[in-house]
All heavy atoms as atom14 arrays in JSON, in Angstrom:
{
  "sequence": "TFAGGAFASGALAKDAKQPPKPQNVLSPDASLKRLMEGNGRY",
  "atom14_mask": [
    [1, 1, 1, 1, 1, 1, 1, 0, 0, 0, 0, 0, 0, 0],
    [1, 1, 1, 1, 1, 1, 1, 1, 1, 1, 1, 0, 0, 0],
    [1, 1, 1, 1, 1, 0, 0, 0, 0, 0, 0, 0, 0, 0],
    [1, 1, 1, 1, 0, 0, 0, 0, 0, 0, 0, 0, 0, 0],
    [1, 1, 1, 1, 0, 0, 0, 0, 0, 0, 0, 0, 0, 0],
    [1, 1, 1, 1, 1, 0, 0, 0, 0, 0, 0, 0, 0, 0],
    [1, 1, 1, 1, 1, 1, 1, 1, 1, 1, 1, 0, 0, 0],
    [1, 1, 1, 1, 1, 0, 0, 0, 0, 0, 0, 0, 0, 0],
    [1, 1, 1, 1, 1, 1, 0, 0, 0, 0, 0, 0, 0, 0],
    [1, 1, 1, 1, 0, 0, 0, 0, 0, 0, 0, 0, 0, 0],
    [1, 1, 1, 1, 1, 0, 0, 0, 0, 0, 0, 0, 0, 0],
    [1, 1, 1, 1, 1, 1, 1, 1, 0, 0, 0, 0, 0, 0],
    [1, 1, 1, 1, 1, 0, 0, 0, 0, 0, 0, 0, 0, 0],
    [1, 1, 1, 1, 1, 1, 1, 1, 1, 0, 0, 0, 0, 0],
    [1, 1, 1, 1, 1, 1, 1, 1, 0, 0, 0, 0, 0, 0],
    [1, 1, 1, 1, 1, 0, 0, 0, 0, 0, 0, 0, 0, 0],
    [1, 1, 1, 1, 1, 1, 1, 1, 1, 0, 0, 0, 0, 0],
    [1, 1, 1, 1, 1, 1, 1, 1, 1, 0, 0, 0, 0, 0],
    [1, 1, 1, 1, 1, 1, 1, 0, 0, 0, 0, 0, 0, 0],
    [1, 1, 1, 1, 1, 1, 1, 0, 0, 0, 0, 0, 0, 0],
    [1, 1, 1, 1, 1, 1, 1, 1, 1, 0, 0, 0, 0, 0],
    [1, 1, 1, 1, 1, 1, 1, 0, 0, 0, 0, 0, 0, 0],
    [1, 1, 1, 1, 1, 1, 1, 1, 1, 0, 0, 0, 0, 0],
    [1, 1, 1, 1, 1, 1, 1, 1, 0, 0, 0, 0, 0, 0],
    [1, 1, 1, 1, 1, 1, 1, 0, 0, 0, 0, 0, 0, 0],
    [1, 1, 1, 1, 1, 1, 1, 1, 0, 0, 0, 0, 0, 0],
    [1, 1, 1, 1, 1, 1, 0, 0, 0, 0, 0, 0, 0, 0],
    [1, 1, 1, 1, 1, 1, 1, 0, 0, 0, 0, 0, 0, 0],
    [1, 1, 1, 1, 1, 1, 1, 1, 0, 0, 0, 0, 0, 0],
    [1, 1, 1, 1, 1, 0, 0, 0, 0, 0, 0, 0, 0, 0],
    [1, 1, 1, 1, 1, 1, 0, 0, 0, 0, 0, 0, 0, 0],
    [1, 1, 1, 1, 1, 1, 1, 1, 0, 0, 0, 0, 0, 0],
    [1, 1, 1, 1, 1, 1, 1, 1, 1, 0, 0, 0, 0, 0],
    [1, 1, 1, 1, 1, 1, 1, 1, 1, 1, 1, 0, 0, 0],
    [1, 1, 1, 1, 1, 1, 1, 1, 0, 0, 0, 0, 0, 0],
    [1, 1, 1, 1, 1, 1, 1, 1, 0, 0, 0, 0, 0, 0],
    [1, 1, 1, 1, 1, 1, 1, 1, 1, 0, 0, 0, 0, 0],
    [1, 1, 1, 1, 0, 0, 0, 0, 0, 0, 0, 0, 0, 0],
    [1, 1, 1, 1, 1, 1, 1, 1, 0, 0, 0, 0, 0, 0],
    [1, 1, 1, 1, 0, 0, 0, 0, 0, 0, 0, 0, 0, 0],
    [1, 1, 1, 1, 1, 1, 1, 1, 1, 1, 1, 0, 0, 0],
    [1, 1, 1, 1, 1, 1, 1, 1, 1, 1, 1, 1, 0, 0]
  ],
  "atom14_positions": [
    [[17.15, -19.29, 16.79], [17.36, -19.12, 15.32], [16.07, -19.35, 14.58], [15.71, -18.67, 13.68], [18.37, -20.15, 14.92], [19.62, -19.84, 15.64], [18.7, -19.98, 13.43], [0.0, 0.0, 0.0], [0.0, 0.0, 0.0], [0.0, 0.0, 0.0], [0.0, 0.0, 0.0], [0.0, 0.0, 0.0], [0.0, 0.0, 0.0], [0.0, 0.0, 0.0]],
    [[15.32, -20.43, 14.95], [14.09, -20.81, 14.35], [13.06, -19.64, 14.51], [12.37, -19.27, 13.56], [13.56, -22.16, 14.92], [12.28, -22.57, 14.25], [12.29, -23.22, 13.06], [11.05, -22.26, 14.87], [11.04, -23.65, 12.49], [9.86, -22.63, 14.34], [9.85, -23.32, 13.08], [0.0, 0.0, 0.0], [0.0, 0.0, 0.0], [0.0, 0.0, 0.0]],
    [[12.99, -19.24, 15.71], [12.07, -18.15, 16.07], [12.39, -16.88, 15.21], [11.49, -16.24, 14.69], [11.98, -17.81, 17.52], [0.0, 0.0, 0.0], [0.0, 0.0, 0.0], [0.0, 0.0, 0.0], [0.0, 0.0, 0.0], [0.0, 0.0, 0.0], [0.0, 0.0, 0.0], [0.0, 0.0, 0.0], [0.0, 0.0, 0.0], [0.0, 0.0, 0.0]],
    [[13.73, -16.65, 15.17], [14.08, -15.44, 14.4], [13.78, -15.61, 12.97], [13.28, -14.71, 12.31], [0.0, 0.0, 0.0], [0.0, 0.0, 0.0], [0.0, 0.0, 0.0], [0.0, 0.0, 0.0], [0.0, 0.0, 0.0], [0.0, 0.0, 0.0], [0.0, 0.0, 0.0], [0.0, 0.0, 0.0], [0.0, 0.0, 0.0], [0.0, 0.0, 0.0]],
    [[13.99, -16.84, 12.43], [13.68, -17.1, 11.04], [12.21, -16.98, 10.77], [11.73, -16.43, 9.86], [0.0, 0.0, 0.0], [0.0, 0.0, 0.0], [0.0, 0.0, 0.0], [0.0, 0.0, 0.0], [0.0, 0.0, 0.0], [0.0, 0.0, 0.0], [0.0, 0.0, 0.0], [0.0, 0.0, 0.0], [0.0, 0.0, 0.0], [0.0, 0.0, 0.0]],
    [[11.38, -17.5, 11.73], [9.95, -17.42, 11.62], [9.49, -15.96, 11.65], [8.64, -15.53, 10.92], [9.27, -18.2, 12.69], [0.0, 0.0, 0.0], [0.0, 0.0, 0.0], [0.0, 0.0, 0.0], [0.0, 0.0, 0.0], [0.0, 0.0, 0.0], [0.0, 0.0, 0.0], [0.0, 0.0, 0.0], [0.0, 0.0, 0.0], [0.0, 0.0, 0.0]],
    [[10.12, -15.16, 12.55], [9.75, -13.81, 12.63], [10.14, -13.05, 11.38], [9.37, -12.25, 10.87], [10.51, -13.15, 13.91], [10.28, -11.69, 13.95], [9.07, -11.25, 14.6], [11.17, -10.75, 13.48], [8.87, -9.88, 14.71], [10.94, -9.39, 13.6], [9.82, -8.98, 14.23], [0.0, 0.0, 0.0], [0.0, 0.0, 0.0], [0.0, 0.0, 0.0]],
    [[11.32, -13.35, 10.88], [11.79, -12.72, 9.65], [10.85, -13.12, 8.47], [10.46, -12.26, 7.65], [13.23, -13.1, 9.33], [0.0, 0.0, 0.0], [0.0, 0.0, 0.0], [0.0, 0.0, 0.0], [0.0, 0.0, 0.0], [0.0, 0.0, 0.0], [0.0, 0.0, 0.0], [0.0, 0.0, 0.0], [0.0, 0.0, 0.0], [0.0, 0.0, 0.0]],
    [[10.48, -14.42, 8.47], [9.61, -14.85, 7.36], [8.28, -14.13, 7.47], [7.65, -13.73, 6.49], [9.36, -16.34, 7.48], [10.62, -16.99, 7.26], [0.0, 0.0, 0.0], [0.0, 0.0, 0.0], [0.0, 0.0, 0.0], [0.0, 0.0, 0.0], [0.0, 0.0, 0.0], [0.0, 0.0, 0.0], [0.0, 0.0, 0.0], [0.0, 0.0, 0.0]],
    [[7.85, -13.99, 8.73], [6.5, -13.32, 8.95], [6.58, -11.87, 8.55], [5.69, -11.32, 7.86], [0.0, 0.0, 0.0], [0.0, 0.0, 0.0], [0.0, 0.0, 0.0], [0.0, 0.0, 0.0], [0.0, 0.0, 0.0], [0.0, 0.0, 0.0], [0.0, 0.0, 0.0], [0.0, 0.0, 0.0], [0.0, 0.0, 0.0], [0.0, 0.0, 0.0]],
    [[7.82, -11.22, 8.83], [7.95, -9.86, 8.46], [7.98, -9.73, 6.97], [7.43, -8.77, 6.39], [9.24, -9.28, 9.08], [0.0, 0.0, 0.0], [0.0, 0.0, 0.0], [0.0, 0.0, 0.0], [0.0, 0.0, 0.0], [0.0, 0.0, 0.0], [0.0, 0.0, 0.0], [0.0, 0.0, 0.0], [0.0, 0.0, 0.0], [0.0, 0.0, 0.0]],
    [[8.66, -10.65, 6.34], [8.72, -10.61, 4.8], [7.41, -10.84, 4.22], [7.02, -10.21, 3.26], [9.74, -11.68, 4.29], [11.19, -11.4, 4.61], [12.06, -12.58, 4.19], [11.62, -10.13, 3.92], [0.0, 0.0, 0.0], [0.0, 0.0, 0.0], [0.0, 0.0, 0.0], [0.0, 0.0, 0.0], [0.0, 0.0, 0.0], [0.0, 0.0, 0.0]],
    [[6.62, -11.76, 4.79], [5.27, -12.03, 4.3], [4.45, -10.75, 4.46], [3.61, -10.42, 3.57], [4.64, -13.21, 5.07], [0.0, 0.0, 0.0], [0.0, 0.0, 0.0], [0.0, 0.0, 0.0], [0.0, 0.0, 0.0], [0.0, 0.0, 0.0], [0.0, 0.0, 0.0], [0.0, 0.0, 0.0], [0.0, 0.0, 0.0], [0.0, 0.0, 0.0]],
    [[4.6, -10.12, 5.59], [3.85, -8.91, 5.84], [4.18, -7.82, 4.84], [3.34, -7.11, 4.24], [4.04, -8.43, 7.21], [3.2, -7.18, 7.67], [3.41, -6.78, 9.11], [2.58, -5.62, 9.48], [2.8, -5.17, 10.86], [0.0, 0.0, 0.0], [0.0, 0.0, 0.0], [0.0, 0.0, 0.0], [0.0, 0.0, 0.0], [0.0, 0.0, 0.0]],
    [[5.53, -7.67, 4.6], [5.99, -6.74, 3.61], [5.43, -7.02, 2.25], [5.14, -6.16, 1.44], [7.52, -6.7, 3.61], [8.04, -6.05, 4.94], [7.27, -5.33, 5.58], [9.19, -6.22, 5.18], [0.0, 0.0, 0.0], [0.0, 0.0, 0.0], [0.0, 0.0, 0.0], [0.0, 0.0, 0.0], [0.0, 0.0, 0.0], [0.0, 0.0, 0.0]],
    [[5.41, -8.35, 1.9], [5.0, -8.79, 0.55], [3.54, -8.4, 0.31], [3.14, -8.23, -0.83], [5.21, -10.29, 0.41], [0.0, 0.0, 0.0], [0.0, 0.0, 0.0], [0.0, 0.0, 0.0], [0.0, 0.0, 0.0], [0.0, 0.0, 0.0], [0.0, 0.0, 0.0], [0.0, 0.0, 0.0], [0.0, 0.0, 0.0], [0.0, 0.0, 0.0]],
    [[2.69, -8.3, 1.38], [1.37, -8.04, 1.3], [1.06, -6.5, 1.19], [-0.05, -6.08, 0.84], [0.58, -8.56, 2.46], [0.54, -10.06, 2.52], [-0.24, -10.64, 3.77], [-0.19, -12.11, 3.74], [-0.9, -12.6, 5.06], [0.0, 0.0, 0.0], [0.0, 0.0, 0.0], [0.0, 0.0, 0.0], [0.0, 0.0, 0.0], [0.0, 0.0, 0.0]],
    [[2.1, -5.72, 1.38], [1.94, -4.28, 1.29], [1.68, -3.95, -0.17], [2.37, -4.47, -1.1], [3.2, -3.51, 1.83], [3.42, -3.66, 3.31], [2.29, -2.96, 4.08], [1.76, -1.91, 3.71], [1.83, -3.61, 5.11], [0.0, 0.0, 0.0], [0.0, 0.0, 0.0], [0.0, 0.0, 0.0], [0.0, 0.0, 0.0], [0.0, 0.0, 0.0]],
    [[0.76, -3.03, -0.5], [0.54, -2.67, -1.9], [1.73, -1.93, -2.45], [2.46, -1.23, -1.8], [-0.68, -1.72, -1.78], [-0.7, -1.17, -0.35], [-0.09, -2.3, 0.46], [0.0, 0.0, 0.0], [0.0, 0.0, 0.0], [0.0, 0.0, 0.0], [0.0, 0.0, 0.0], [0.0, 0.0, 0.0], [0.0, 0.0, 0.0], [0.0, 0.0, 0.0]],
    [[1.93, -2.04, -3.79], [3.1, -1.41, -4.43], [3.07, 0.06, -4.29], [4.12, 0.68, -4.11], [2.95, -1.85, -5.93], [2.14, -3.06, -5.89], [1.2, -2.94, -4.75], [0.0, 0.0, 0.0], [0.0, 0.0, 0.0], [0.0, 0.0, 0.0], [0.0, 0.0, 0.0], [0.0, 0.0, 0.0], [0.0, 0.0, 0.0], [0.0, 0.0, 0.0]],
    [[1.88, 0.67, -4.31], [1.77, 2.07, -4.12], [0.79, 2.36, -3.0], [-0.46, 2.5, -3.19], [1.26, 2.71, -5.47], [2.16, 2.5, -6.66], [1.77, 3.24, -7.9], [2.28, 4.68, -7.78], [2.13, 5.41, -9.13], [0.0, 0.0, 0.0], [0.0, 0.0, 0.0], [0.0, 0.0, 0.0], [0.0, 0.0, 0.0], [0.0, 0.0, 0.0]],
    [[1.25, 2.48, -1.76], [0.34, 2.74, -0.59], [-0.49, 3.94, -0.77], [-1.6, 3.95, -0.22], [1.37, 2.81, 0.55], [2.59, 2.08, 0.09], [2.69, 2.34, -1.35], [0.0, 0.0, 0.0], [0.0, 0.0, 0.0], [0.0, 0.0, 0.0], [0.0, 0.0, 0.0], [0.0, 0.0, 0.0], [0.0, 0.0, 0.0], [0.0, 0.0, 0.0]],
    [[0.04, 4.95, -1.44], [-0.82, 6.17, -1.62], [-2.02, 5.98, -2.46], [-2.94, 6.82, -2.47], [0.08, 7.27, -2.25], [0.48, 7.03, -3.72], [1.8, 6.25, -3.82], [2.15, 5.47, -2.96], [2.55, 6.51, -4.87], [0.0, 0.0, 0.0], [0.0, 0.0, 0.0], [0.0, 0.0, 0.0], [0.0, 0.0, 0.0], [0.0, 0.0, 0.0]],
    [[-2.15, 4.82, -3.14], [-3.32, 4.5, -3.88], [-4.45, 3.79, -3.12], [-5.52, 3.57, -3.68], [-2.96, 3.63, -5.13], [-2.25, 4.4, -6.2], [-2.01, 5.63, -6.09], [-1.82, 3.73, -7.28], [0.0, 0.0, 0.0], [0.0, 0.0, 0.0], [0.0, 0.0, 0.0], [0.0, 0.0, 0.0], [0.0, 0.0, 0.0], [0.0, 0.0, 0.0]],
    [[-4.22, 3.46, -1.84], [-5.21, 2.89, -1.05], [-6.17, 4.07, -0.52], [-5.83, 4.78, 0.42], [-4.65, 2.18, 0.08], [-5.68, 1.47, 0.96], [-3.66, 1.09, -0.43], [0.0, 0.0, 0.0], [0.0, 0.0, 0.0], [0.0, 0.0, 0.0], [0.0, 0.0, 0.0], [0.0, 0.0, 0.0], [0.0, 0.0, 0.0], [0.0, 0.0, 0.0]],
    [[-7.26, 4.24, -1.21], [-8.15, 5.33, -1.0], [-9.6, 4.89, -0.92], [-9.94, 3.82, -1.43], [-8.0, 6.44, -2.1], [-6.63, 7.04, -2.25], [-6.63, 7.85, -3.57], [-6.27, 7.94, -1.1], [0.0, 0.0, 0.0], [0.0, 0.0, 0.0], [0.0, 0.0, 0.0], [0.0, 0.0, 0.0], [0.0, 0.0, 0.0], [0.0, 0.0, 0.0]],
    [[-10.42, 5.75, -0.33], [-11.9, 5.48, -0.41], [-12.37, 5.92, -1.75], [-11.71, 6.6, -2.53], [-12.58, 6.32, 0.69], [-12.49, 7.71, 0.34], [0.0, 0.0, 0.0], [0.0, 0.0, 0.0], [0.0, 0.0, 0.0], [0.0, 0.0, 0.0], [0.0, 0.0, 0.0], [0.0, 0.0, 0.0], [0.0, 0.0, 0.0], [0.0, 0.0, 0.0]],
    [[-13.55, 5.49, -2.11], [-14.08, 5.89, -3.4], [-14.22, 7.4, -3.61], [-13.82, 7.92, -4.63], [-15.52, 5.28, -3.44], [-15.38, 4.04, -2.54], [-14.47, 4.47, -1.44], [0.0, 0.0, 0.0], [0.0, 0.0, 0.0], [0.0, 0.0, 0.0], [0.0, 0.0, 0.0], [0.0, 0.0, 0.0], [0.0, 0.0, 0.0], [0.0, 0.0, 0.0]],
    [[-14.65, 8.15, -2.58], [-14.7, 9.55, -2.67], [-13.33, 10.27, -2.87], [-13.16, 11.17, -3.58], [-15.45, 10.17, -1.5], [-16.9, 9.87, -1.51], [-17.53, 9.63, -2.61], [-17.53, 9.8, -0.4], [0.0, 0.0, 0.0], [0.0, 0.0, 0.0], [0.0, 0.0, 0.0], [0.0, 0.0, 0.0], [0.0, 0.0, 0.0], [0.0, 0.0, 0.0]],
    [[-12.37, 9.72, -2.08], [-11.0, 10.27, -2.11], [-10.34, 9.97, -3.5], [-9.62, 10.78, -4.09], [-10.16, 9.7, -1.01], [0.0, 0.0, 0.0], [0.0, 0.0, 0.0], [0.0, 0.0, 0.0], [0.0, 0.0, 0.0], [0.0, 0.0, 0.0], [0.0, 0.0, 0.0], [0.0, 0.0, 0.0], [0.0, 0.0, 0.0], [0.0, 0.0, 0.0]],
    [[-10.72, 8.77, -4.06], [-10.27, 8.48, -5.38], [-10.77, 9.42, -6.5], [-9.97, 9.89, -7.38], [-10.65, 7.0, -5.72], [-9.97, 6.1, -4.78], [0.0, 0.0, 0.0], [0.0, 0.0, 0.0], [0.0, 0.0, 0.0], [0.0, 0.0, 0.0], [0.0, 0.0, 0.0], [0.0, 0.0, 0.0], [0.0, 0.0, 0.0], [0.0, 0.0, 0.0]],
    [[-12.02, 9.73, -6.39], [-12.6, 10.66, -7.3], [-12.05, 12.07, -7.19], [-11.73, 12.74, -8.16], [-14.18, 10.73, -7.15], [-14.89, 11.66, -8.11], [-14.75, 11.26, -9.49], [-16.37, 11.63, -7.71], [0.0, 0.0, 0.0], [0.0, 0.0, 0.0], [0.0, 0.0, 0.0], [0.0, 0.0, 0.0], [0.0, 0.0, 0.0], [0.0, 0.0, 0.0]],
    [[-11.83, 12.48, -5.95], [-11.18, 13.76, -5.75], [-9.79, 13.86, -6.33], [-9.43, 14.8, -6.97], [-11.08, 14.09, -4.2], [-10.58, 15.39, -3.77], [-10.66, 15.57, -2.32], [-10.16, 16.95, -1.84], [-8.71, 17.08, -2.02], [0.0, 0.0, 0.0], [0.0, 0.0, 0.0], [0.0, 0.0, 0.0], [0.0, 0.0, 0.0], [0.0, 0.0, 0.0]],
    [[-9.02, 12.82, -6.1], [-7.72, 12.76, -6.64], [-7.73, 12.72, -8.18], [-6.89, 13.41, -8.84], [-6.95, 11.5, -6.14], [-5.51, 11.35, -6.68], [-4.8, 10.19, -6.04], [-3.62, 9.85, -6.68], [-2.8, 8.86, -6.46], [-3.14, 8.03, -5.49], [-1.7, 8.56, -7.17], [0.0, 0.0, 0.0], [0.0, 0.0, 0.0], [0.0, 0.0, 0.0]],
    [[-8.65, 12.06, -8.75], [-8.81, 11.95, -10.21], [-9.05, 13.34, -10.82], [-8.38, 13.74, -11.76], [-9.91, 10.96, -10.56], [-9.86, 10.36, -11.93], [-8.65, 9.41, -12.14], [-11.12, 9.5, -12.16], [0.0, 0.0, 0.0], [0.0, 0.0, 0.0], [0.0, 0.0, 0.0], [0.0, 0.0, 0.0], [0.0, 0.0, 0.0], [0.0, 0.0, 0.0]],
    [[-9.98, 14.07, -10.19], [-10.36, 15.38, -10.68], [-9.26, 16.45, -10.4], [-9.08, 17.35, -11.23], [-11.67, 15.79, -10.04], [-12.86, 14.82, -10.45], [-12.95, 14.49, -12.27], [-13.29, 16.11, -12.91], [0.0, 0.0, 0.0], [0.0, 0.0, 0.0], [0.0, 0.0, 0.0], [0.0, 0.0, 0.0], [0.0, 0.0, 0.0], [0.0, 0.0, 0.0]],
    [[-8.54, 16.22, -9.28], [-7.47, 17.16, -9.1], [-6.35, 16.95, -10.14], [-5.75, 17.94, -10.65], [-6.83, 16.91, -7.69], [-7.65, 17.37, -6.59], [-7.15, 17.02, -5.26], [-6.18, 16.17, -5.16], [-7.59, 17.6, -4.15], [0.0, 0.0, 0.0], [0.0, 0.0, 0.0], [0.0, 0.0, 0.0], [0.0, 0.0, 0.0], [0.0, 0.0, 0.0]],
    [[-6.16, 15.79, -10.59], [-5.2, 15.46, -11.68], [-5.66, 16.14, -12.96], [-4.81, 16.63, -13.76], [0.0, 0.0, 0.0], [0.0, 0.0, 0.0], [0.0, 0.0, 0.0], [0.0, 0.0, 0.0], [0.0, 0.0, 0.0], [0.0, 0.0, 0.0], [0.0, 0.0, 0.0], [0.0, 0.0, 0.0], [0.0, 0.0, 0.0], [0.0, 0.0, 0.0]],
    [[-6.96, 16.04, -13.28], [-7.48, 16.67, -14.45], [-7.32, 18.21, -14.4], [-7.02, 18.76, -15.48], [-8.97, 16.28, -14.66], [-9.55, 16.94, -15.95], [-10.45, 17.75, -15.84], [-9.03, 16.52, -17.05], [0.0, 0.0, 0.0], [0.0, 0.0, 0.0], [0.0, 0.0, 0.0], [0.0, 0.0, 0.0], [0.0, 0.0, 0.0], [0.0, 0.0, 0.0]],
    [[-7.46, 18.73, -13.22], [-7.25, 20.12, -13.05], [-5.8, 20.58, -13.44], [-5.65, 21.62, -14.1], [0.0, 0.0, 0.0], [0.0, 0.0, 0.0], [0.0, 0.0, 0.0], [0.0, 0.0, 0.0], [0.0, 0.0, 0.0], [0.0, 0.0, 0.0], [0.0, 0.0, 0.0], [0.0, 0.0, 0.0], [0.0, 0.0, 0.0], [0.0, 0.0, 0.0]],
    [[-4.84, 19.79, -13.05], [-3.52, 20.09, -13.3], [-3.22, 19.97, -14.79], [-2.52, 20.75, -15.4], [-2.54, 19.17, -12.57], [-2.53, 19.35, -11.01], [-1.33, 18.59, -10.39], [-1.41, 17.17, -10.64], [-2.01, 16.25, -9.86], [-2.75, 16.67, -8.82], [-2.04, 15.03, -10.15], [0.0, 0.0, 0.0], [0.0, 0.0, 0.0], [0.0, 0.0, 0.0]],
    [[-3.8, 18.93, -15.4], [-3.67, 18.68, -16.85], [-4.21, 19.91, -17.66], [-3.61, 20.38, -18.55], [-4.36, 17.35, -17.23], [-4.57, 17.17, -18.68], [-3.52, 16.72, -19.47], [-5.83, 17.29, -19.29], [-3.67, 16.53, -20.86], [-6.01, 17.05, -20.65], [-4.95, 16.66, -21.41], [-5.17, 16.45, -22.76], [0.0, 0.0, 0.0], [0.0, 0.0, 0.0]]
  ]
}
């Protein structure tokens, strides 16, 4: 039970560290590309 709780807590902690928008985790160049693609649509 303790191990399961620790595992669950670890899993929750891991989930809590996940960024709210994973698709926003980009390199600088990829970020600029996405920014300019958005301007193109606009």
